[in-house]
Amino acid sequence: MEINILEDKKKRLVFELKGEKHTLCNAVRDELWNDKSVTVSAYNISHPLVGVPKFIVETDGKKEPKKALKDAIARLKKKNNDLAKEVKKIK
C-alpha cells in the first residue's frame, strides 16, 4: 500500500491509496463518518481493474483532515483487534 497526498489544506485532504480496493476504502470512508468534524468522506476508483482509489476528506475546521484520518485508522485498528480476540474464543 502506498499513500500519495495530492492536496493538503486546513479543511481538505485529497490522497490516493495505491494497492487497495473497495474493502479497505469502504471501511475507512465509513469510519471517517463517525467523526463529527468530518463533513465529506468519499472515494472514487476511476477504473475497476486498474484504477487507484482517490479519497477526499473535508472537515469543519475543528480538526484537520489528517488528524481525522489518523483517528479513524486508530478506531479501525481497535475494532480489528477486538474482532480477532473474539474469533480466538471460538472453539
PDB file of N, CA and C in Angstrom:
ATOM      1  N   MET A   1       0.845  -1.166   0.000  1.00  0.00           N
ATOM      2  CA  MET A   1       0.000   0.000   0.000  1.00  0.00           C
ATOM      3  C   MET A   1       0.897   1.238   0.000  1.00  0.00           C
ATOM      4  N   GLU A   2       0.478   2.228  -0.743  1.00  0.00           N
ATOM      5  CA  GLU A   2       1.216   3.488  -0.833  1.00  0.00           C
ATOM      6  C   GLU A   2       0.219   4.637  -0.809  1.00  0.00           C
ATOM      7  N   ILE A   3       0.520   5.648  -0.008  1.00  0.00           N
ATOM      8  CA  ILE A   3      -0.339   6.832   0.070  1.00  0.00           C
ATOM      9  C   ILE A   3       0.368   7.994  -0.622  1.00  0.00           C
ATOM     10  N   ASN A   4      -0.298   8.585  -1.591  1.00  0.00           N
ATOM     11  CA  ASN A   4       0.196   9.778  -2.272  1.00  0.00           C
ATOM     12  C   ASN A   4      -0.756  10.926  -1.978  1.00  0.00           C
ATOM     13  N   ILE A   5      -0.268  11.943  -1.305  1.00  0.00           N
ATOM     14  CA  ILE A   5      -1.100  13.103  -0.988  1.00  0.00           C
ATOM     15  C   ILE A   5      -1.110  14.039  -2.187  1.00  0.00           C
ATOM     16  N   LEU A   6      -2.311  14.343  -2.654  1.00  0.00           N
ATOM     17  CA  LEU A   6      -2.491  15.217  -3.808  1.00  0.00           C
ATOM     18  C   LEU A   6      -2.816  16.651  -3.399  1.00  0.00           C
ATOM     19  N   GLU A   7      -3.505  16.790  -2.278  1.00  0.00           N
ATOM     20  CA  GLU A   7      -3.892  18.116  -1.778  1.00  0.00           C
ATOM     21  C   GLU A   7      -3.969  18.055  -0.262  1.00  0.00           C
ATOM     22  N   ASP A   8      -3.325  19.001   0.404  1.00  0.00           N
ATOM     23  CA  ASP A   8      -3.314  19.037   1.863  1.00  0.00           C
ATOM     24  C   ASP A   8      -3.550  20.469   2.320  1.00  0.00           C
ATOM     25  N   LYS A   9      -4.791  20.747   2.701  1.00  0.00           N
ATOM     26  CA  LYS A   9      -5.170  22.074   3.176  1.00  0.00           C
ATOM     27  C   LYS A   9      -5.752  21.951   4.573  1.00  0.00           C
ATOM     28  N   LYS A  10      -6.046  23.080   5.179  1.00  0.00           N
ATOM     29  CA  LYS A  10      -6.543  23.076   6.557  1.00  0.00           C
ATOM     30  C   LYS A  10      -7.829  22.263   6.719  1.00  0.00           C
ATOM     31  N   LYS A  11      -8.742  22.367   5.769  1.00  0.00           N
ATOM     32  CA  LYS A  11     -10.024  21.676   5.873  1.00  0.00           C
ATOM     33  C   LYS A  11     -10.216  20.577   4.831  1.00  0.00           C
ATOM     34  N   ARG A  12      -9.220  20.325   3.976  1.00  0.00           N
ATOM     35  CA  ARG A  12      -9.407  19.365   2.877  1.00  0.00           C
ATOM     36  C   ARG A  12      -8.134  18.563   2.640  1.00  0.00           C
ATOM     37  N   LEU A  13      -8.313  17.250   2.511  1.00  0.00           N
ATOM     38  CA  LEU A  13      -7.213  16.342   2.197  1.00  0.00           C
ATOM     39  C   LEU A  13      -7.657  15.453   1.045  1.00  0.00           C
ATOM     40  N   VAL A  14      -6.824  15.386   0.005  1.00  0.00           N
ATOM     41  CA  VAL A  14      -7.084  14.510  -1.129  1.00  0.00           C
ATOM     42  C   VAL A  14      -5.850  13.626  -1.282  1.00  0.00           C
ATOM     43  N   PHE A  15      -6.067  12.327  -1.317  1.00  0.00           N
ATOM     44  CA  PHE A  15      -4.943  11.406  -1.438  1.00  0.00           C
ATOM     45  C   PHE A  15      -5.341  10.162  -2.210  1.00  0.00           C
ATOM     46  N   GLU A  16      -4.329   9.486  -2.753  1.00  0.00           N
ATOM     47  CA  GLU A  16      -4.517   8.215  -3.442  1.00  0.00           C
ATOM     48  C   GLU A  16      -4.031   7.102  -2.529  1.00  0.00           C
ATOM     49  N   LEU A  17      -4.695   5.972  -2.616  1.00  0.00           N
ATOM     50  CA  LEU A  17      -4.350   4.819  -1.801  1.00  0.00           C
ATOM     51  C   LEU A  17      -3.994   3.665  -2.738  1.00  0.00           C
ATOM     52  N   LYS A  18      -2.773   3.703  -3.256  1.00  0.00           N
ATOM     53  CA  LYS A  18      -2.339   2.707  -4.239  1.00  0.00           C
ATOM     54  C   LYS A  18      -2.250   1.323  -3.610  1.00  0.00           C
ATOM     55  N   GLY A  19      -2.693   0.337  -4.363  1.00  0.00           N
ATOM     56  CA  GLY A  19      -2.612  -1.040  -3.909  1.00  0.00           C
ATOM     57  C   GLY A  19      -3.836  -1.514  -3.139  1.00  0.00           C
ATOM     58  N   GLU A  20      -4.836  -0.675  -3.019  1.00  0.00           N
ATOM     59  CA  GLU A  20      -6.049  -1.058  -2.283  1.00  0.00           C
ATOM     60  C   GLU A  20      -7.264  -1.021  -3.187  1.00  0.00           C
ATOM     61  N   LYS A  21      -8.299  -1.700  -2.742  1.00  0.00           N
ATOM     62  CA  LYS A  21      -9.564  -1.766  -3.480  1.00  0.00           C
ATOM     63  C   LYS A  21     -10.694  -1.320  -2.554  1.00  0.00           C
ATOM     64  N   HIS A  22     -11.897  -1.706  -2.876  1.00  0.00           N
ATOM     65  CA  HIS A  22     -13.087  -1.239  -2.159  1.00  0.00           C
ATOM     66  C   HIS A  22     -13.146  -1.671  -0.688  1.00  0.00           C
ATOM     67  N   THR A  23     -12.614  -2.829  -0.350  1.00  0.00           N
ATOM     68  CA  THR A  23     -12.770  -3.336   1.004  1.00  0.00           C
ATOM     69  C   THR A  23     -12.218  -2.377   2.044  1.00  0.00           C
ATOM     70  N   LEU A  24     -10.965  -2.026   1.930  1.00  0.00           N
ATOM     71  CA  LEU A  24     -10.365  -1.105   2.887  1.00  0.00           C
ATOM     72  C   LEU A  24     -10.932   0.308   2.722  1.00  0.00           C
ATOM     73  N   CYS A  25     -11.147   0.719   1.488  1.00  0.00           N
ATOM     74  CA  CYS A  25     -11.660   2.072   1.241  1.00  0.00           C
ATOM     75  C   CYS A  25     -13.027   2.281   1.874  1.00  0.00           C
ATOM     76  N   ASN A  26     -13.902   1.299   1.766  1.00  0.00           N
ATOM     77  CA  ASN A  26     -15.226   1.410   2.383  1.00  0.00           C
ATOM     78  C   ASN A  26     -15.118   1.513   3.898  1.00  0.00           C
ATOM     79  N   ALA A  27     -14.243   0.720   4.481  1.00  0.00           N
ATOM     80  CA  ALA A  27     -14.077   0.737   5.935  1.00  0.00           C
ATOM     81  C   ALA A  27     -13.572   2.100   6.407  1.00  0.00           C
ATOM     82  N   VAL A  28     -12.572   2.643   5.718  1.00  0.00           N
ATOM     83  CA  VAL A  28     -12.017   3.947   6.093  1.00  0.00           C
ATOM     84  C   VAL A  28     -13.062   5.049   5.897  1.00  0.00           C
ATOM     85  N   ARG A  29     -13.726   5.039   4.748  1.00  0.00           N
ATOM     86  CA  ARG A  29     -14.750   6.060   4.477  1.00  0.00           C
ATOM     87  C   ARG A  29     -15.841   6.032   5.550  1.00  0.00           C
ATOM     88  N   ASP A  30     -16.347   4.846   5.838  1.00  0.00           N
ATOM     89  CA  ASP A  30     -17.420   4.732   6.831  1.00  0.00           C
ATOM     90  C   ASP A  30     -16.963   5.156   8.226  1.00  0.00           C
ATOM     91  N   GLU A  31     -15.745   4.794   8.589  1.00  0.00           N
ATOM     92  CA  GLU A  31     -15.247   5.172   9.920  1.00  0.00           C
ATOM     93  C   GLU A  31     -15.031   6.678  10.028  1.00  0.00           C
ATOM     94  N   LEU A  32     -14.612   7.308   8.942  1.00  0.00           N
ATOM     95  CA  LEU A  32     -14.469   8.771   8.949  1.00  0.00           C
ATOM     96  C   LEU A  32     -15.798   9.451   9.244  1.00  0.00           C
ATOM     97  N   TRP A  33     -16.904   8.874   8.762  1.00  0.00           N
ATOM     98  CA  TRP A  33     -18.220   9.476   9.004  1.00  0.00           C
ATOM     99  C   TRP A  33     -18.607   9.436  10.485  1.00  0.00           C
ATOM    100  N   ASN A  34     -17.937   8.631  11.298  1.00  0.00           N
ATOM    101  CA  ASN A  34     -18.208   8.591  12.734  1.00  0.00           C
ATOM    102  C   ASN A  34     -17.598   9.775  13.478  1.00  0.00           C
ATOM    103  N   ASP A  35     -16.824  10.588  12.788  1.00  0.00           N
ATOM    104  CA  ASP A  35     -16.203  11.775  13.362  1.00  0.00           C
ATOM    105  C   ASP A  35     -17.098  12.983  13.067  1.00  0.00           C
ATOM    106  N   LYS A  36     -17.558  13.650  14.111  1.00  0.00           N
ATOM    107  CA  LYS A  36     -18.486  14.776  13.935  1.00  0.00           C
ATOM    108  C   LYS A  36     -17.876  15.954  13.183  1.00  0.00           C
ATOM    109  N   SER A  37     -16.557  16.062  13.164  1.00  0.00           N
ATOM    110  CA  SER A  37     -15.920  17.182  12.463  1.00  0.00           C
ATOM    111  C   SER A  37     -15.776  16.918  10.959  1.00  0.00           C
ATOM    112  N   VAL A  38     -16.011  15.689  10.515  1.00  0.00           N
ATOM    113  CA  VAL A  38     -15.893  15.347   9.095  1.00  0.00           C
ATOM    114  C   VAL A  38     -17.171  15.740   8.361  1.00  0.00           C
ATOM    115  N   THR A  39     -17.017  16.541   7.307  1.00  0.00           N
ATOM    116  CA  THR A  39     -18.164  16.973   6.503  1.00  0.00           C
ATOM    117  C   THR A  39     -18.227  16.247   5.158  1.00  0.00           C
ATOM    118  N   VAL A  40     -17.086  15.749   4.683  1.00  0.00           N
ATOM    119  CA  VAL A  40     -17.036  14.969   3.444  1.00  0.00           C
ATOM    120  C   VAL A  40     -16.072  13.809   3.648  1.00  0.00           C
ATOM    121  N   SER A  41     -16.533  12.617   3.310  1.00  0.00           N
ATOM    122  CA  SER A  41     -15.693  11.427   3.326  1.00  0.00           C
ATOM    123  C   SER A  41     -16.132  10.585   2.140  1.00  0.00           C
ATOM    124  N   ALA A  42     -15.291  10.554   1.108  1.00  0.00           N
ATOM    125  CA  ALA A  42     -15.658   9.843  -0.112  1.00  0.00           C
ATOM    126  C   ALA A  42     -14.406   9.370  -0.834  1.00  0.00           C
ATOM    127  N   TYR A  43     -14.606   8.388  -1.696  1.00  0.00           N
ATOM    128  CA  TYR A  43     -13.524   7.949  -2.556  1.00  0.00           C
ATOM    129  C   TYR A  43     -14.086   7.546  -3.902  1.00  0.00           C
ATOM    130  N   ASN A  44     -13.206   7.481  -4.887  1.00  0.00           N
ATOM    131  CA  ASN A  44     -13.595   7.078  -6.228  1.00  0.00           C
ATOM    132  C   ASN A  44     -12.470   6.230  -6.816  1.00  0.00           C
ATOM    133  N   ILE A  45     -12.861   5.194  -7.538  1.00  0.00           N
ATOM    134  CA  ILE A  45     -11.906   4.394  -8.291  1.00  0.00           C
ATOM    135  C   ILE A  45     -12.310   4.551  -9.749  1.00  0.00           C
ATOM    136  N   SER A  46     -11.474   5.235 -10.523  1.00  0.00           N
ATOM    137  CA  SER A  46     -11.846   5.621 -11.881  1.00  0.00           C
ATOM    138  C   SER A  46     -12.013   4.438 -12.837  1.00  0.00           C
ATOM    139  N   HIS A  47     -11.296   3.345 -12.605  1.00  0.00           N
ATOM    140  CA  HIS A  47     -11.419   2.161 -13.458  1.00  0.00           C
ATOM    141  C   HIS A  47     -11.414   0.935 -12.558  1.00  0.00           C
ATOM    142  N   PRO A  48     -12.367   0.030 -12.721  1.00  0.00           N
ATOM    143  CA  PRO A  48     -12.484  -1.093 -11.797  1.00  0.00           C
ATOM    144  C   PRO A  48     -11.293  -2.056 -11.802  1.00  0.00           C
ATOM    145  N   LEU A  49     -10.537  -2.113 -12.879  1.00  0.00           N
ATOM    146  CA  LEU A  49      -9.415  -3.048 -12.942  1.00  0.00           C
ATOM    147  C   LEU A  49      -8.062  -2.411 -12.642  1.00  0.00           C
ATOM    148  N   VAL A  50      -7.864  -1.202 -13.088  1.00  0.00           N
ATOM    149  CA  VAL A  50      -6.538  -0.586 -12.940  1.00  0.00           C
ATOM    150  C   VAL A  50      -6.565   0.748 -12.195  1.00  0.00           C
ATOM    151  N   GLY A  51      -7.725   1.171 -11.750  1.00  0.00           N
ATOM    152  CA  GLY A  51      -7.835   2.465 -11.080  1.00  0.00           C
ATOM    153  C   GLY A  51      -7.251   2.460  -9.680  1.00  0.00           C
ATOM    154  N   VAL A  52      -6.819   3.618  -9.243  1.00  0.00           N
ATOM    155  CA  VAL A  52      -6.283   3.828  -7.905  1.00  0.00           C
ATOM    156  C   VAL A  52      -7.316   4.610  -7.103  1.00  0.00           C
ATOM    157  N   PRO A  53      -7.686   4.124  -5.912  1.00  0.00           N
ATOM    158  CA  PRO A  53      -8.659   4.858  -5.104  1.00  0.00           C
ATOM    159  C   PRO A  53      -8.169   6.264  -4.768  1.00  0.00           C
ATOM    160  N   LYS A  54      -9.045   7.237  -4.979  1.00  0.00           N
ATOM    161  CA  LYS A  54      -8.752   8.629  -4.674  1.00  0.00           C
ATOM    162  C   LYS A  54      -9.742   9.084  -3.601  1.00  0.00           C
ATOM    163  N   PHE A  55      -9.221   9.451  -2.447  1.00  0.00           N
ATOM    164  CA  PHE A  55     -10.020   9.856  -1.303  1.00  0.00           C
ATOM    165  C   PHE A  55     -10.120  11.367  -1.199  1.00  0.00           C
ATOM    166  N   ILE A  56     -11.259  11.820  -0.695  1.00  0.00           N
ATOM    167  CA  ILE A  56     -11.453  13.222  -0.337  1.00  0.00           C
ATOM    168  C   ILE A  56     -11.980  13.247   1.092  1.00  0.00           C
ATOM    169  N   VAL A  57     -11.295  13.977   1.950  1.00  0.00           N
ATOM    170  CA  VAL A  57     -11.731  14.140   3.336  1.00  0.00           C
ATOM    171  C   VAL A  57     -11.776  15.634   3.611  1.00  0.00           C
ATOM    172  N   GLU A  58     -12.928  16.112   4.050  1.00  0.00           N
ATOM    173  CA  GLU A  58     -13.076  17.517   4.425  1.00  0.00           C
ATOM    174  C   GLU A  58     -13.642  17.585   5.833  1.00  0.00           C
ATOM    175  N   THR A  59     -13.209  18.603   6.567  1.00  0.00           N
ATOM    176  CA  THR A  59     -13.701  18.796   7.927  1.00  0.00           C
ATOM    177  C   THR A  59     -14.268  20.205   8.085  1.00  0.00           C
ATOM    178  N   ASP A  60     -14.897  20.425   9.227  1.00  0.00           N
ATOM    179  CA  ASP A  60     -15.467  21.738   9.515  1.00  0.00           C
ATOM    180  C   ASP A  60     -14.426  22.714  10.059  1.00  0.00           C
ATOM    181  N   GLY A  61     -13.190  22.288  10.164  1.00  0.00           N
ATOM    182  CA  GLY A  61     -12.118  23.147  10.649  1.00  0.00           C
ATOM    183  C   GLY A  61     -11.772  22.943  12.111  1.00  0.00           C
ATOM    184  N   LYS A  62     -12.623  22.240  12.852  1.00  0.00           N
ATOM    185  CA  LYS A  62     -12.330  21.972  14.261  1.00  0.00           C
ATOM    186  C   LYS A  62     -11.211  20.942  14.398  1.00  0.00           C
ATOM    187  N   LYS A  63     -11.028  20.153  13.359  1.00  0.00           N
ATOM    188  CA  LYS A  63      -9.987  19.138  13.325  1.00  0.00           C
ATOM    189  C   LYS A  63      -9.429  19.105  11.910  1.00  0.00           C
ATOM    190  N   GLU A  64      -8.120  18.976  11.792  1.00  0.00           N
ATOM    191  CA  GLU A  64      -7.525  18.879  10.461  1.00  0.00           C
ATOM    192  C   GLU A  64      -7.842  17.513   9.861  1.00  0.00           C
ATOM    193  N   PRO A  65      -8.005  17.433   8.546  1.00  0.00           N
ATOM    194  CA  PRO A  65      -8.350  16.170   7.898  1.00  0.00           C
ATOM    195  C   PRO A  65      -7.357  15.038   8.171  1.00  0.00           C
ATOM    196  N   LYS A  66      -6.059  15.347   8.240  1.00  0.00           N
ATOM    197  CA  LYS A  66      -5.068  14.302   8.549  1.00  0.00           C
ATOM    198  C   LYS A  66      -5.320  13.708   9.926  1.00  0.00           C
ATOM    199  N   LYS A  67      -5.655  14.561  10.886  1.00  0.00           N
ATOM    200  CA  LYS A  67      -5.947  14.097  12.243  1.00  0.00           C
ATOM    201  C   LYS A  67      -7.206  13.234  12.248  1.00  0.00           C
ATOM    202  N   ALA A  68      -8.222  13.641  11.515  1.00  0.00           N
ATOM    203  CA  ALA A  68      -9.448  12.844  11.423  1.00  0.00           C
ATOM    204  C   ALA A  68      -9.145  11.478  10.813  1.00  0.00           C
ATOM    205  N   LEU A  69      -8.305  11.448   9.785  1.00  0.00           N
ATOM    206  CA  LEU A  69      -7.929  10.184   9.147  1.00  0.00           C
ATOM    207  C   LEU A  69      -7.156   9.292  10.114  1.00  0.00           C
ATOM    208  N   LYS A  70      -6.188   9.856  10.812  1.00  0.00           N
ATOM    209  CA  LYS A  70      -5.409   9.083  11.782  1.00  0.00           C
ATOM    210  C   LYS A  70      -6.303   8.531  12.885  1.00  0.00           C
ATOM    211  N   ASP A  71      -7.243   9.337  13.359  1.00  0.00           N
ATOM    212  CA  ASP A  71      -8.172   8.890  14.402  1.00  0.00           C
ATOM    213  C   ASP A  71      -9.052   7.746  13.890  1.00  0.00           C
ATOM    214  N   ALA A  72      -9.526   7.860  12.655  1.00  0.00           N
ATOM    215  CA  ALA A  72     -10.363   6.810  12.063  1.00  0.00           C
ATOM    216  C   ALA A  72      -9.583   5.512  11.939  1.00  0.00           C
ATOM    217  N   ILE A  73      -8.336   5.602  11.510  1.00  0.00           N
ATOM    218  CA  ILE A  73      -7.497   4.404  11.376  1.00  0.00           C
ATOM    219  C   ILE A  73      -7.262   3.768  12.742  1.00  0.00           C
ATOM    220  N   ALA A  74      -7.048   4.578  13.763  1.00  0.00           N
ATOM    221  CA  ALA A  74      -6.851   4.049  15.124  1.00  0.00           C
ATOM    222  C   ALA A  74      -8.098   3.304  15.595  1.00  0.00           C
ATOM    223  N   ARG A  75      -9.273   3.862  15.312  1.00  0.00           N
ATOM    224  CA  ARG A  75     -10.520   3.187  15.710  1.00  0.00           C
ATOM    225  C   ARG A  75     -10.690   1.870  14.957  1.00  0.00           C
ATOM    226  N   LEU A  76     -10.341   1.865  13.670  1.00  0.00           N
ATOM    227  CA  LEU A  76     -10.434   0.629  12.884  1.00  0.00           C
ATOM    228  C   LEU A  76      -9.480  -0.437  13.414  1.00  0.00           C
ATOM    229  N   LYS A  77      -8.283  -0.032  13.802  1.00  0.00           N
ATOM    230  CA  LYS A  77      -7.316  -0.979  14.356  1.00  0.00           C
ATOM    231  C   LYS A  77      -7.861  -1.612  15.636  1.00  0.00           C
ATOM    232  N   LYS A  78      -8.479  -0.769  16.488  1.00  0.00           N
ATOM    233  CA  LYS A  78      -9.041  -1.293  17.733  1.00  0.00           C
ATOM    234  C   LYS A  78     -10.173  -2.274  17.449  1.00  0.00           C
ATOM    235  N   LYS A  79     -11.050  -1.919  16.508  1.00  0.00           N
ATOM    236  CA  LYS A  79     -12.153  -2.818  16.154  1.00  0.00           C
ATOM    237  C   LYS A  79     -11.607  -4.141  15.612  1.00  0.00           C
ATOM    238  N   ASN A  80     -10.564  -4.063  14.799  1.00  0.00           N
ATOM    239  CA  ASN A  80      -9.956  -5.262  14.234  1.00  0.00           C
ATOM    240  C   ASN A  80      -9.356  -6.137  15.338  1.00  0.00           C
ATOM    241  N   ASN A  81      -8.668  -5.523  16.289  1.00  0.00           N
ATOM    242  CA  ASN A  81      -8.096  -6.281  17.405  1.00  0.00           C
ATOM    243  C   ASN A  81      -9.183  -6.913  18.258  1.00  0.00           C
ATOM    244  N   ASP A  82     -10.263  -6.171  18.504  1.00  0.00           N
ATOM    245  CA  ASP A  82     -11.382  -6.717  19.280  1.00  0.00           C
ATOM    246  C   ASP A  82     -12.003  -7.913  18.566  1.00  0.00           C
ATOM    247  N   LEU A  83     -12.176  -7.804  17.257  1.00  0.00           N
ATOM    248  CA  LEU A  83     -12.733  -8.911  16.486  1.00  0.00           C
ATOM    249  C   LEU A  83     -11.806 -10.121  16.539  1.00  0.00           C
ATOM    250  N   ALA A  84     -10.511  -9.903  16.403  1.00  0.00           N
ATOM    251  CA  ALA A  84      -9.549 -11.010  16.450  1.00  0.00           C
ATOM    252  C   ALA A  84      -9.618 -11.734  17.795  1.00  0.00           C
ATOM    253  N   LYS A  85      -9.769 -10.985  18.895  1.00  0.00           N
ATOM    254  CA  LYS A  85      -9.887 -11.599  20.213  1.00  0.00           C
ATOM    255  C   LYS A  85     -11.137 -12.455  20.310  1.00  0.00           C
ATOM    256  N   GLU A  86     -12.254 -11.949  19.766  1.00  0.00           N
ATOM    257  CA  GLU A  86     -13.497 -12.708  19.811  1.00  0.00           C
ATOM    258  C   GLU A  86     -13.415 -13.978  18.955  1.00  0.00           C
ATOM    259  N   VAL A  87     -12.767 -13.894  17.833  1.00  0.00           N
ATOM    260  CA  VAL A  87     -12.627 -15.069  16.959  1.00  0.00           C
ATOM    261  C   VAL A  87     -11.772 -16.134  17.644  1.00  0.00           C
ATOM    262  N   LYS A  88     -10.749 -15.720  18.384  1.00  0.00           N
ATOM    263  CA  LYS A  88      -9.893 -16.684  19.091  1.00  0.00           C
ATOM    264  C   LYS A  88     -10.663 -17.444  20.157  1.00  0.00           C
ATOM    265  N   LYS A  89     -11.732 -16.845  20.673  1.00  0.00           N
ATOM    266  CA  LYS A  89     -12.555 -17.501  21.698  1.00  0.00           C
ATOM    267  C   LYS A  89     -13.400 -18.619  21.117  1.00  0.00           C
ATOM    268  N   ILE A  90     -13.646 -18.589  19.831  1.00  0.00           N
ATOM    269  CA  ILE A  90     -14.489 -19.597  19.180  1.00  0.00           C
ATOM    270  C   ILE A  90     -13.741 -20.911  19.145  1.00  0.00           C
ATOM    271  N   LYS A  91     -14.432 -21.953  19.517  1.00  0.00           N
ATOM    272  CA  LYS A  91     -13.794 -23.286  19.522  1.00  0.00           C
ATOM    273  C   LYS A  91     -14.279 -24.115  18.399  1.00  0.00           C
TER     274      LYS A  91
END
